Amino acid sequence: MAELLTAKAVLSWRQAMLGQGGESSALDWLLDLKGGLRWQQLQALRLYPESEIALEQDLGTLEQIWRQHLEQAIPLQYLVGRCPWRDIELEVAPGVLIPRQETEVLVDLALDCAKGDQLGSAPRWADLGTGSGCIAIALAKGLPNAQGFAVDRSAEALRQAERNARAILGSACLDFREGDWWDAIRDQWGQLDLVVSNPPYIPAAVWAQLEPVVREHEPELALNGGSDGLEALRTIAGGAALGLAPGGWLLLEHHYDQSKAVLELLEAAGLVNVQAHKDLEGVQRFAKAQRPLQPEQNRP
């Protein structure tokens, strides 16, 4: 229910909530996504303390969500049910990984591969481990003439990805496949011009020490990459020579300290043009490689 308040009252409430704990950026995010108070509006409140503003939710409801976040370490995205990402807003719920900002770079790298018709006039691509569908939806928006496949072994994740795709794209322009990595799209092997994946890559021992807000609520299936964090990355890199079309690209997100190991996996798989790329903090978190172009299968 909407509530009309003075700027001074909102700022006092904000200060009181921060006194209970938590990060100011998280509280401001809650005010934005659930209260409808945009960041620019929040800054303006300090200049005009007697002005009035209508919140989309009353402060009591917002406080209840904030306390639940603090007391039970539940991600705010799950409590609100929404997550802004890139230029879209996604539905998120327990059982599906919350999209991270750094993964937006993976989409940019993938779209760069498509510039200048490098992938042909009607390319095929796949997102392995689609989760909420964030990468697949961004690629579908950026490659409207392409055929896309969104893969996940979690039926729950696929259902949510499909809901997000319908809400954002407005039509069934993606092919959703349930299964493990390349196996789910076996009928497309040798035809995929672009494959992107943000797989589980956190080493098991590191995952066990993550903050409760992540470890106890986000799906282990999407985070725990096995003893060295490379289990899924080995499988994806190992299947690339069969799954990709000649000249097709594979792009991967990985842990902050795995760049060397992932590049070696891609080279061992027979891929070429192996490259590392940095995230928003300047850390090498992405890898890109290409299946060799076979002359007899060159495209015009």
C-alpha atoms as a PDB file:
ATOM      1  CA  MET A   1       0.000   0.000   0.000  1.00  0.00           C
ATOM      2  CA  ALA A   2       1.374   3.445  -0.948  1.00  0.00           C
ATOM      3  CA  GLU A   3       2.341   5.825   1.854  1.00  0.00           C
ATOM      4  CA  LEU A   4       2.834   9.610   1.671  1.00  0.00           C
ATOM      5  CA  LEU A   5       5.733  10.760   3.842  1.00  0.00           C
ATOM      6  CA  THR A   6       8.031  13.715   4.306  1.00  0.00           C
ATOM      7  CA  ALA A   7      11.613  13.393   3.139  1.00  0.00           C
ATOM      8  CA  LYS A   8      12.754  13.890   6.744  1.00  0.00           C
ATOM      9  CA  ALA A   9      10.657  10.924   7.914  1.00  0.00           C
ATOM     10  CA  VAL A  10      12.080   8.650   5.222  1.00  0.00           C
ATOM     11  CA  LEU A  11      15.651   9.654   6.042  1.00  0.00           C
ATOM     12  CA  SER A  12      15.062   9.112   9.765  1.00  0.00           C
ATOM     13  CA  TRP A  13      13.631   5.658   9.055  1.00  0.00           C
ATOM     14  CA  ARG A  14      16.626   4.847   6.865  1.00  0.00           C
ATOM     15  CA  GLN A  15      19.031   5.840   9.632  1.00  0.00           C
ATOM     16  CA  ALA A  16      17.131   3.720  12.152  1.00  0.00           C
ATOM     17  CA  MET A  17      17.231   0.673   9.867  1.00  0.00           C
ATOM     18  CA  LEU A  18      20.981   1.026   9.331  1.00  0.00           C
ATOM     19  CA  GLY A  19      21.335   1.140  13.104  1.00  0.00           C
ATOM     20  CA  GLN A  20      20.059  -2.452  13.146  1.00  0.00           C
ATOM     21  CA  GLY A  21      22.852  -3.548  10.787  1.00  0.00           C
ATOM     22  CA  GLY A  22      23.344  -4.240   7.118  1.00  0.00           C
ATOM     23  CA  GLU A  23      24.814  -2.309   4.217  1.00  0.00           C
ATOM     24  CA  SER A  24      23.488   1.093   3.168  1.00  0.00           C
ATOM     25  CA  SER A  25      23.616   0.049  -0.497  1.00  0.00           C
ATOM     26  CA  ALA A  26      21.357  -2.934   0.253  1.00  0.00           C
ATOM     27  CA  LEU A  27      18.846  -0.775   2.124  1.00  0.00           C
ATOM     28  CA  ASP A  28      18.802   1.773  -0.704  1.00  0.00           C
ATOM     29  CA  TRP A  29      18.220  -1.090  -3.133  1.00  0.00           C
ATOM     30  CA  LEU A  30      15.205  -2.159  -1.031  1.00  0.00           C
ATOM     31  CA  LEU A  31      13.847   1.394  -1.043  1.00  0.00           C
ATOM     32  CA  ASP A  32      14.214   1.442  -4.806  1.00  0.00           C
ATOM     33  CA  LEU A  33      12.865  -1.984  -5.796  1.00  0.00           C
ATOM     34  CA  LYS A  34      10.125  -2.328  -3.192  1.00  0.00           C
ATOM     35  CA  GLY A  35       9.459   1.276  -2.187  1.00  0.00           C
ATOM     36  CA  GLY A  36       9.769   2.855  -5.623  1.00  0.00           C
ATOM     37  CA  LEU A  37      12.262   5.448  -4.341  1.00  0.00           C
ATOM     38  CA  ARG A  38      14.932   5.769  -7.033  1.00  0.00           C
ATOM     39  CA  TRP A  39      18.522   6.509  -6.080  1.00  0.00           C
ATOM     40  CA  GLN A  40      18.393  10.014  -7.562  1.00  0.00           C
ATOM     41  CA  GLN A  41      15.232  10.762  -5.564  1.00  0.00           C
ATOM     42  CA  LEU A  42      16.894   9.540  -2.374  1.00  0.00           C
ATOM     43  CA  GLN A  43      19.781  11.964  -2.874  1.00  0.00           C
ATOM     44  CA  ALA A  44      17.325  14.821  -3.432  1.00  0.00           C
ATOM     45  CA  LEU A  45      15.572  14.120  -0.107  1.00  0.00           C
ATOM     46  CA  ARG A  46      18.575  15.460   1.788  1.00  0.00           C
ATOM     47  CA  LEU A  47      18.259  18.807   0.014  1.00  0.00           C
ATOM     48  CA  TYR A  48      14.519  19.160   0.589  1.00  0.00           C
ATOM     49  CA  PRO A  49      13.730  17.541   3.980  1.00  0.00           C
ATOM     50  CA  GLU A  50      10.205  18.979   4.156  1.00  0.00           C
ATOM     51  CA  SER A  51       9.161  17.740   0.720  1.00  0.00           C
ATOM     52  CA  GLU A  52       6.686  14.890   0.457  1.00  0.00           C
ATOM     53  CA  ILE A  53       7.150  11.615  -1.346  1.00  0.00           C
ATOM     54  CA  ALA A  54       4.802   8.696  -2.003  1.00  0.00           C
ATOM     55  CA  LEU A  55       6.374   5.292  -1.375  1.00  0.00           C
ATOM     56  CA  GLU A  56       4.920   2.270  -3.152  1.00  0.00           C
ATOM     57  CA  GLN A  57       5.065   0.291   0.126  1.00  0.00           C
ATOM     58  CA  ASP A  58       4.578   1.528   3.668  1.00  0.00           C
ATOM     59  CA  LEU A  59       7.609   1.726   5.939  1.00  0.00           C
ATOM     60  CA  GLY A  60       6.259  -1.052   8.151  1.00  0.00           C
ATOM     61  CA  THR A  61       6.337  -3.502   5.249  1.00  0.00           C
ATOM     62  CA  LEU A  62       9.821  -2.373   4.233  1.00  0.00           C
ATOM     63  CA  GLU A  63      11.058  -2.742   7.812  1.00  0.00           C
ATOM     64  CA  GLN A  64       9.653  -6.268   8.011  1.00  0.00           C
ATOM     65  CA  ILE A  65      11.575  -7.235   4.868  1.00  0.00           C
ATOM     66  CA  TRP A  66      14.762  -5.567   6.134  1.00  0.00           C
ATOM     67  CA  ARG A  67      14.602  -7.332   9.514  1.00  0.00           C
ATOM     68  CA  GLN A  68      13.961 -10.676   7.843  1.00  0.00           C
ATOM     69  CA  HIS A  69      17.027 -10.087   5.658  1.00  0.00           C
ATOM     70  CA  LEU A  70      19.179  -9.267   8.695  1.00  0.00           C
ATOM     71  CA  GLU A  71      17.870 -11.930  11.058  1.00  0.00           C
ATOM     72  CA  GLN A  72      17.640 -14.854   8.642  1.00  0.00           C
ATOM     73  CA  ALA A  73      20.360 -13.850   6.140  1.00  0.00           C
ATOM     74  CA  ILE A  74      17.877 -14.196   3.277  1.00  0.00           C
ATOM     75  CA  PRO A  75      18.927 -12.332   0.120  1.00  0.00           C
ATOM     76  CA  LEU A  76      16.841  -9.218  -0.457  1.00  0.00           C
ATOM     77  CA  GLN A  77      16.370 -10.281  -4.078  1.00  0.00           C
ATOM     78  CA  TYR A  78      14.471 -13.374  -2.910  1.00  0.00           C
ATOM     79  CA  LEU A  79      12.405 -11.390  -0.421  1.00  0.00           C
ATOM     80  CA  VAL A  80      11.476  -8.796  -3.036  1.00  0.00           C
ATOM     81  CA  GLY A  81      11.251 -11.369  -5.837  1.00  0.00           C
ATOM     82  CA  ARG A  82      12.997  -9.162  -8.390  1.00  0.00           C
ATOM     83  CA  CYS A  83      16.513  -8.362  -9.513  1.00  0.00           C
ATOM     84  CA  PRO A  84      17.606  -5.611 -11.935  1.00  0.00           C
ATOM     85  CA  TRP A  85      20.320  -6.827 -14.274  1.00  0.00           C
ATOM     86  CA  ARG A  86      21.752  -5.170 -17.340  1.00  0.00           C
ATOM     87  CA  ASP A  87      18.740  -3.455 -19.001  1.00  0.00           C
ATOM     88  CA  ILE A  88      16.162  -5.969 -17.742  1.00  0.00           C
ATOM     89  CA  GLU A  89      14.419  -6.864 -14.495  1.00  0.00           C
ATOM     90  CA  LEU A  90      14.245 -10.531 -13.617  1.00  0.00           C
ATOM     91  CA  GLU A  91      12.033 -12.572 -11.360  1.00  0.00           C
ATOM     92  CA  VAL A  92      14.182 -14.430  -8.841  1.00  0.00           C
ATOM     93  CA  ALA A  93      13.274 -16.917  -6.127  1.00  0.00           C
ATOM     94  CA  PRO A  94      14.970 -19.546  -3.952  1.00  0.00           C
ATOM     95  CA  GLY A  95      16.339 -22.380  -6.057  1.00  0.00           C
ATOM     96  CA  VAL A  96      17.725 -20.069  -8.746  1.00  0.00           C
ATOM     97  CA  LEU A  97      21.034 -18.203  -8.620  1.00  0.00           C
ATOM     98  CA  ILE A  98      20.783 -14.423  -8.242  1.00  0.00           C
ATOM     99  CA  PRO A  99      22.423 -12.765 -11.277  1.00  0.00           C
ATOM    100  CA  ARG A 100      25.657 -10.889 -10.535  1.00  0.00           C
ATOM    101  CA  GLN A 101      26.713  -7.633 -12.116  1.00  0.00           C
ATOM    102  CA  GLU A 102      30.045  -9.011 -13.336  1.00  0.00           C
ATOM    103  CA  THR A 103      28.237 -11.539 -15.525  1.00  0.00           C
ATOM    104  CA  GLU A 104      26.985  -8.642 -17.642  1.00  0.00           C
ATOM    105  CA  VAL A 105      30.529  -8.489 -19.062  1.00  0.00           C
ATOM    106  CA  LEU A 106      30.157 -12.077 -20.303  1.00  0.00           C
ATOM    107  CA  VAL A 107      27.193 -10.970 -22.423  1.00  0.00           C
ATOM    108  CA  ASP A 108      29.182  -8.049 -23.833  1.00  0.00           C
ATOM    109  CA  LEU A 109      32.020 -10.397 -24.803  1.00  0.00           C
ATOM    110  CA  ALA A 110      29.559 -12.766 -26.477  1.00  0.00           C
ATOM    111  CA  LEU A 111      27.882  -9.983 -28.445  1.00  0.00           C
ATOM    112  CA  ASP A 112      31.303  -8.750 -29.544  1.00  0.00           C
ATOM    113  CA  CYS A 113      31.823 -12.141 -31.206  1.00  0.00           C
ATOM    114  CA  ALA A 114      28.702 -11.505 -33.277  1.00  0.00           C
ATOM    115  CA  LYS A 115      29.751  -8.107 -34.603  1.00  0.00           C
ATOM    116  CA  GLY A 116      30.251  -7.829 -38.328  1.00  0.00           C
ATOM    117  CA  ASP A 117      28.340 -11.068 -39.005  1.00  0.00           C
ATOM    118  CA  GLN A 118      31.237 -13.105 -37.645  1.00  0.00           C
ATOM    119  CA  LEU A 119      28.720 -15.786 -36.709  1.00  0.00           C
ATOM    120  CA  GLY A 120      26.899 -15.822 -40.037  1.00  0.00           C
ATOM    121  CA  SER A 121      23.483 -14.464 -40.974  1.00  0.00           C
ATOM    122  CA  ALA A 122      21.410 -16.865 -38.836  1.00  0.00           C
ATOM    123  CA  PRO A 123      23.631 -18.074 -36.001  1.00  0.00           C
ATOM    124  CA  ARG A 124      22.830 -20.622 -33.337  1.00  0.00           C
ATOM    125  CA  TRP A 125      23.886 -20.127 -29.763  1.00  0.00           C
ATOM    126  CA  ALA A 126      23.436 -21.782 -26.378  1.00  0.00           C
ATOM    127  CA  ASP A 127      23.561 -20.729 -22.735  1.00  0.00           C
ATOM    128  CA  LEU A 128      24.693 -23.686 -20.621  1.00  0.00           C
ATOM    129  CA  GLY A 129      23.416 -23.440 -17.042  1.00  0.00           C
ATOM    130  CA  THR A 130      20.927 -20.661 -17.703  1.00  0.00           C
ATOM    131  CA  GLY A 131      19.582 -20.261 -14.144  1.00  0.00           C
ATOM    132  CA  SER A 132      17.253 -17.255 -14.111  1.00  0.00           C
ATOM    133  CA  GLY A 133      17.686 -16.946 -17.872  1.00  0.00           C
ATOM    134  CA  CYS A 134      19.546 -13.638 -17.597  1.00  0.00           C
ATOM    135  CA  ILE A 135      22.287 -14.443 -20.131  1.00  0.00           C
ATOM    136  CA  ALA A 136      19.938 -16.170 -22.557  1.00  0.00           C
ATOM    137  CA  ILE A 137      17.450 -13.290 -22.493  1.00  0.00           C
ATOM    138  CA  ALA A 138      20.207 -10.712 -23.019  1.00  0.00           C
ATOM    139  CA  LEU A 139      21.580 -12.703 -25.958  1.00  0.00           C
ATOM    140  CA  ALA A 140      18.109 -13.104 -27.455  1.00  0.00           C
ATOM    141  CA  LYS A 141      17.651  -9.329 -27.267  1.00  0.00           C
ATOM    142  CA  GLY A 142      21.060  -8.693 -28.787  1.00  0.00           C
ATOM    143  CA  LEU A 143      20.849 -11.388 -31.487  1.00  0.00           C
ATOM    144  CA  PRO A 144      17.238 -11.205 -32.700  1.00  0.00           C
ATOM    145  CA  ASN A 145      17.908 -13.222 -35.873  1.00  0.00           C
ATOM    146  CA  ALA A 146      19.611 -16.086 -34.058  1.00  0.00           C
ATOM    147  CA  GLN A 147      18.267 -19.359 -32.684  1.00  0.00           C
ATOM    148  CA  GLY A 148      18.979 -19.696 -28.976  1.00  0.00           C
ATOM    149  CA  PHE A 149      19.017 -22.635 -26.564  1.00  0.00           C
ATOM    150  CA  ALA A 150      18.839 -22.235 -22.780  1.00  0.00           C
ATOM    151  CA  VAL A 151      20.055 -25.288 -20.849  1.00  0.00           C
ATOM    152  CA  ASP A 152      19.834 -26.196 -17.174  1.00  0.00           C
ATOM    153  CA  ARG A 153      19.717 -29.455 -15.242  1.00  0.00           C
ATOM    154  CA  SER A 154      17.346 -27.852 -12.714  1.00  0.00           C
ATOM    155  CA  ALA A 155      13.696 -28.035 -13.753  1.00  0.00           C
ATOM    156  CA  GLU A 156      12.952 -25.301 -11.210  1.00  0.00           C
ATOM    157  CA  ALA A 157      15.489 -22.968 -12.800  1.00  0.00           C
ATOM    158  CA  LEU A 158      14.172 -23.650 -16.291  1.00  0.00           C
ATOM    159  CA  ARG A 159      10.612 -22.815 -15.230  1.00  0.00           C
ATOM    160  CA  GLN A 160      11.750 -19.493 -13.840  1.00  0.00           C
ATOM    161  CA  ALA A 161      13.890 -18.763 -16.906  1.00  0.00           C
ATOM    162  CA  GLU A 162      10.884 -19.423 -19.130  1.00  0.00           C
ATOM    163  CA  ARG A 163       8.719 -17.065 -17.055  1.00  0.00           C
ATOM    164  CA  ASN A 164      11.350 -14.360 -17.331  1.00  0.00           C
ATOM    165  CA  ALA A 165      11.685 -14.888 -21.079  1.00  0.00           C
ATOM    166  CA  ARG A 166       7.932 -14.604 -21.615  1.00  0.00           C
ATOM    167  CA  ALA A 167       7.716 -11.471 -19.476  1.00  0.00           C
ATOM    168  CA  ILE A 168      10.680  -9.713 -21.080  1.00  0.00           C
ATOM    169  CA  LEU A 169      10.775 -10.996 -24.643  1.00  0.00           C
ATOM    170  CA  GLY A 170       7.051 -11.439 -25.092  1.00  0.00           C
ATOM    171  CA  SER A 171       7.327 -14.540 -27.256  1.00  0.00           C
ATOM    172  CA  ALA A 172       8.751 -18.041 -27.261  1.00  0.00           C
ATOM    173  CA  CYS A 173      11.979 -17.221 -29.095  1.00  0.00           C
ATOM    174  CA  LEU A 174      14.151 -19.488 -26.950  1.00  0.00           C
ATOM    175  CA  ASP A 175      14.375 -23.270 -26.869  1.00  0.00           C
ATOM    176  CA  PHE A 176      14.602 -24.445 -23.247  1.00  0.00           C
ATOM    177  CA  ARG A 177      16.342 -27.765 -22.607  1.00  0.00           C
ATOM    178  CA  GLU A 178      16.598 -29.672 -19.338  1.00  0.00           C
ATOM    179  CA  GLY A 179      19.813 -31.637 -18.893  1.00  0.00           C
ATOM    180  CA  ASP A 180      23.545 -31.540 -18.269  1.00  0.00           C
ATOM    181  CA  TRP A 181      25.628 -29.137 -20.300  1.00  0.00           C
ATOM    182  CA  TRP A 182      26.247 -30.380 -23.860  1.00  0.00           C
ATOM    183  CA  ASP A 183      24.099 -33.513 -23.419  1.00  0.00           C
ATOM    184  CA  ALA A 184      20.908 -31.453 -23.388  1.00  0.00           C
ATOM    185  CA  ILE A 185      21.606 -30.137 -26.901  1.00  0.00           C
ATOM    186  CA  ARG A 186      23.152 -33.208 -28.478  1.00  0.00           C
ATOM    187  CA  ASP A 187      21.018 -32.671 -31.588  1.00  0.00           C
ATOM    188  CA  GLN A 188      22.790 -29.330 -32.110  1.00  0.00           C
ATOM    189  CA  TRP A 189      26.355 -30.605 -31.876  1.00  0.00           C
ATOM    190  CA  GLY A 190      28.587 -29.196 -34.569  1.00  0.00           C
ATOM    191  CA  GLN A 191      26.107 -26.412 -35.363  1.00  0.00           C
ATOM    192  CA  LEU A 192      26.531 -23.948 -32.505  1.00  0.00           C
ATOM    193  CA  ASP A 193      28.261 -20.713 -33.461  1.00  0.00           C
ATOM    194  CA  LEU A 194      28.366 -19.365 -29.917  1.00  0.00           C
ATOM    195  CA  VAL A 195      28.168 -21.044 -26.519  1.00  0.00           C
ATOM    196  CA  VAL A 196      28.224 -19.107 -23.247  1.00  0.00           C
ATOM    197  CA  SER A 197      28.295 -20.436 -19.708  1.00  0.00           C
ATOM    198  CA  ASN A 198      28.516 -19.167 -16.152  1.00  0.00           C
ATOM    199  CA  PRO A 199      28.843 -22.600 -14.498  1.00  0.00           C
ATOM    200  CA  PRO A 200      29.438 -23.495 -10.833  1.00  0.00           C
ATOM    201  CA  TYR A 201      33.117 -22.725 -10.269  1.00  0.00           C
ATOM    202  CA  ILE A 202      33.634 -22.085  -6.558  1.00  0.00           C
ATOM    203  CA  PRO A 203      35.894 -24.745  -4.950  1.00  0.00           C
ATOM    204  CA  ALA A 204      33.971 -26.828  -2.417  1.00  0.00           C
ATOM    205  CA  ALA A 205      36.084 -25.682   0.536  1.00  0.00           C
ATOM    206  CA  VAL A 206      35.562 -22.041  -0.417  1.00  0.00           C
ATOM    207  CA  TRP A 207      31.831 -22.561  -0.913  1.00  0.00           C
ATOM    208  CA  ALA A 208      31.599 -24.028   2.604  1.00  0.00           C
ATOM    209  CA  GLN A 209      32.992 -20.759   4.011  1.00  0.00           C
ATOM    210  CA  LEU A 210      30.750 -18.363   2.080  1.00  0.00           C
ATOM    211  CA  GLU A 211      28.524 -15.921   3.944  1.00  0.00           C
ATOM    212  CA  PRO A 212      25.227 -17.496   5.095  1.00  0.00           C
ATOM    213  CA  VAL A 213      23.255 -15.154   2.819  1.00  0.00           C
ATOM    214  CA  VAL A 214      24.793 -17.036  -0.117  1.00  0.00           C
ATOM    215  CA  ARG A 215      25.659 -20.501   1.237  1.00  0.00           C
ATOM    216  CA  GLU A 216      22.372 -21.149   3.031  1.00  0.00           C
ATOM    217  CA  HIS A 217      19.977 -19.712   0.467  1.00  0.00           C
ATOM    218  CA  GLU A 218      21.346 -19.738  -3.071  1.00  0.00           C
ATOM    219  CA  PRO A 219      21.463 -23.144  -4.814  1.00  0.00           C
ATOM    220  CA  GLU A 220      24.627 -25.125  -4.195  1.00  0.00           C
ATOM    221  CA  LEU A 221      24.123 -26.703  -7.620  1.00  0.00           C
ATOM    222  CA  ALA A 222      24.855 -23.337  -9.233  1.00  0.00           C
ATOM    223  CA  LEU A 223      27.857 -22.464  -7.055  1.00  0.00           C
ATOM    224  CA  ASN A 224      29.839 -25.500  -5.885  1.00  0.00           C
ATOM    225  CA  GLY A 225      32.326 -26.482  -8.591  1.00  0.00           C
ATOM    226  CA  GLY A 226      33.788 -29.504  -6.826  1.00  0.00           C
ATOM    227  CA  SER A 227      37.108 -29.942  -5.057  1.00  0.00           C
ATOM    228  CA  ASP A 228      39.049 -27.547  -7.278  1.00  0.00           C
ATOM    229  CA  GLY A 229      36.082 -25.637  -8.717  1.00  0.00           C
ATOM    230  CA  LEU A 230      36.788 -26.896 -12.228  1.00  0.00           C
ATOM    231  CA  GLU A 231      34.442 -29.893 -12.592  1.00  0.00           C
ATOM    232  CA  ALA A 232      31.845 -28.175 -14.783  1.00  0.00           C
ATOM    233  CA  LEU A 233      34.470 -26.131 -16.609  1.00  0.00           C
ATOM    234  CA  ARG A 234      36.311 -29.339 -17.577  1.00  0.00           C
ATOM    235  CA  THR A 235      33.128 -30.836 -18.971  1.00  0.00           C
ATOM    236  CA  ILE A 236      32.203 -27.746 -20.944  1.00  0.00           C
ATOM    237  CA  ALA A 237      35.692 -27.201 -22.347  1.00  0.00           C
ATOM    238  CA  GLY A 238      36.052 -30.901 -23.122  1.00  0.00           C
ATOM    239  CA  GLY A 239      32.857 -30.987 -25.169  1.00  0.00           C
ATOM    240  CA  ALA A 240      33.514 -27.822 -27.146  1.00  0.00           C
ATOM    241  CA  ALA A 241      35.262 -29.446 -30.117  1.00  0.00           C
ATOM    242  CA  LEU A 242      32.157 -31.556 -30.771  1.00  0.00           C
ATOM    243  CA  GLY A 243      29.493 -29.062 -29.756  1.00  0.00           C
ATOM    244  CA  LEU A 244      30.725 -25.968 -31.529  1.00  0.00           C
ATOM    245  CA  ALA A 245      30.430 -25.344 -35.236  1.00  0.00           C
ATOM    246  CA  PRO A 246      33.744 -24.855 -37.036  1.00  0.00           C
ATOM    247  CA  GLY A 247      34.812 -21.337 -36.111  1.00  0.00           C
ATOM    248  CA  GLY A 248      32.327 -21.244 -33.225  1.00  0.00           C
ATOM    249  CA  TRP A 249      33.155 -19.434 -29.993  1.00  0.00           C
ATOM    250  CA  LEU A 250      33.012 -20.621 -26.378  1.00  0.00           C
ATOM    251  CA  LEU A 251      32.914 -18.047 -23.579  1.00  0.00           C
ATOM    252  CA  LEU A 252      33.178 -18.940 -19.893  1.00  0.00           C
ATOM    253  CA  GLU A 253      33.003 -17.207 -16.528  1.00  0.00           C
ATOM    254  CA  HIS A 254      35.259 -18.640 -13.810  1.00  0.00           C
ATOM    255  CA  HIS A 255      36.615 -17.987 -10.311  1.00  0.00           C
ATOM    256  CA  TYR A 256      38.961 -15.056  -9.810  1.00  0.00           C
ATOM    257  CA  ASP A 257      42.032 -17.317  -9.494  1.00  0.00           C
ATOM    258  CA  GLN A 258      41.267 -19.876 -12.218  1.00  0.00           C
ATOM    259  CA  SER A 259      42.257 -18.008 -15.368  1.00  0.00           C
ATOM    260  CA  LYS A 260      45.449 -19.961 -16.046  1.00  0.00           C
ATOM    261  CA  ALA A 261      43.789 -23.323 -15.383  1.00  0.00           C
ATOM    262  CA  VAL A 262      40.779 -22.542 -17.605  1.00  0.00           C
ATOM    263  CA  LEU A 263      42.939 -21.317 -20.480  1.00  0.00           C
ATOM    264  CA  GLU A 264      44.900 -24.567 -20.269  1.00  0.00           C
ATOM    265  CA  LEU A 265      41.642 -26.563 -20.383  1.00  0.00           C
ATOM    266  CA  LEU A 266      40.572 -24.738 -23.532  1.00  0.00           C
ATOM    267  CA  GLU A 267      43.931 -25.283 -25.214  1.00  0.00           C
ATOM    268  CA  ALA A 268      43.935 -28.970 -24.225  1.00  0.00           C
ATOM    269  CA  ALA A 269      40.490 -29.284 -25.850  1.00  0.00           C
ATOM    270  CA  GLY A 270      41.997 -28.245 -29.179  1.00  0.00           C
ATOM    271  CA  LEU A 271      40.506 -24.769 -29.270  1.00  0.00           C
ATOM    272  CA  VAL A 272      42.356 -21.778 -30.711  1.00  0.00           C
ATOM    273  CA  ASN A 273      42.403 -18.003 -30.178  1.00  0.00           C
ATOM    274  CA  VAL A 274      42.329 -18.660 -26.438  1.00  0.00           C
ATOM    275  CA  GLN A 275      42.007 -15.374 -24.533  1.00  0.00           C
ATOM    276  CA  ALA A 276      41.497 -14.119 -20.989  1.00  0.00           C
ATOM    277  CA  HIS A 277      39.264 -11.139 -20.204  1.00  0.00           C
ATOM    278  CA  LYS A 278      38.862  -8.990 -17.102  1.00  0.00           C
ATOM    279  CA  ASP A 279      35.763  -8.239 -15.051  1.00  0.00           C
ATOM    280  CA  LEU A 280      34.581  -4.852 -13.804  1.00  0.00           C
ATOM    281  CA  GLU A 281      37.232  -4.881 -11.066  1.00  0.00           C
ATOM    282  CA  GLY A 282      40.080  -5.666 -13.451  1.00  0.00           C
ATOM    283  CA  VAL A 283      40.296  -9.339 -12.434  1.00  0.00           C
ATOM    284  CA  GLN A 284      40.685 -12.025 -15.111  1.00  0.00           C
ATOM    285  CA  ARG A 285      37.317 -13.768 -14.740  1.00  0.00           C
ATOM    286  CA  PHE A 286      36.388 -14.731 -18.301  1.00  0.00           C
ATOM    287  CA  ALA A 287      37.887 -16.943 -20.981  1.00  0.00           C
ATOM    288  CA  LYS A 288      37.165 -17.092 -24.694  1.00  0.00           C
ATOM    289  CA  ALA A 289      38.255 -19.627 -27.318  1.00  0.00           C
ATOM    290  CA  GLN A 290      37.294 -20.783 -30.792  1.00  0.00           C
ATOM    291  CA  ARG A 291      36.944 -24.109 -32.528  1.00  0.00           C
ATOM    292  CA  PRO A 292      39.379 -24.221 -35.477  1.00  0.00           C
ATOM    293  CA  LEU A 293      37.773 -23.369 -38.783  1.00  0.00           C
ATOM    294  CA  GLN A 294      37.840 -26.395 -41.075  1.00  0.00           C
ATOM    295  CA  PRO A 295      38.386 -25.183 -44.662  1.00  0.00           C
ATOM    296  CA  GLU A 296      36.066 -27.745 -46.179  1.00  0.00           C
ATOM    297  CA  GLN A 297      33.228 -26.413 -44.015  1.00  0.00           C
ATOM    298  CA  ASN A 298      33.956 -22.714 -44.449  1.00  0.00           C
ATOM    299  CA  ARG A 299      30.901 -20.519 -44.759  1.00  0.00           C
ATOM    300  CA  PRO A 300      30.606 -18.189 -47.707  1.00  0.00           C
END
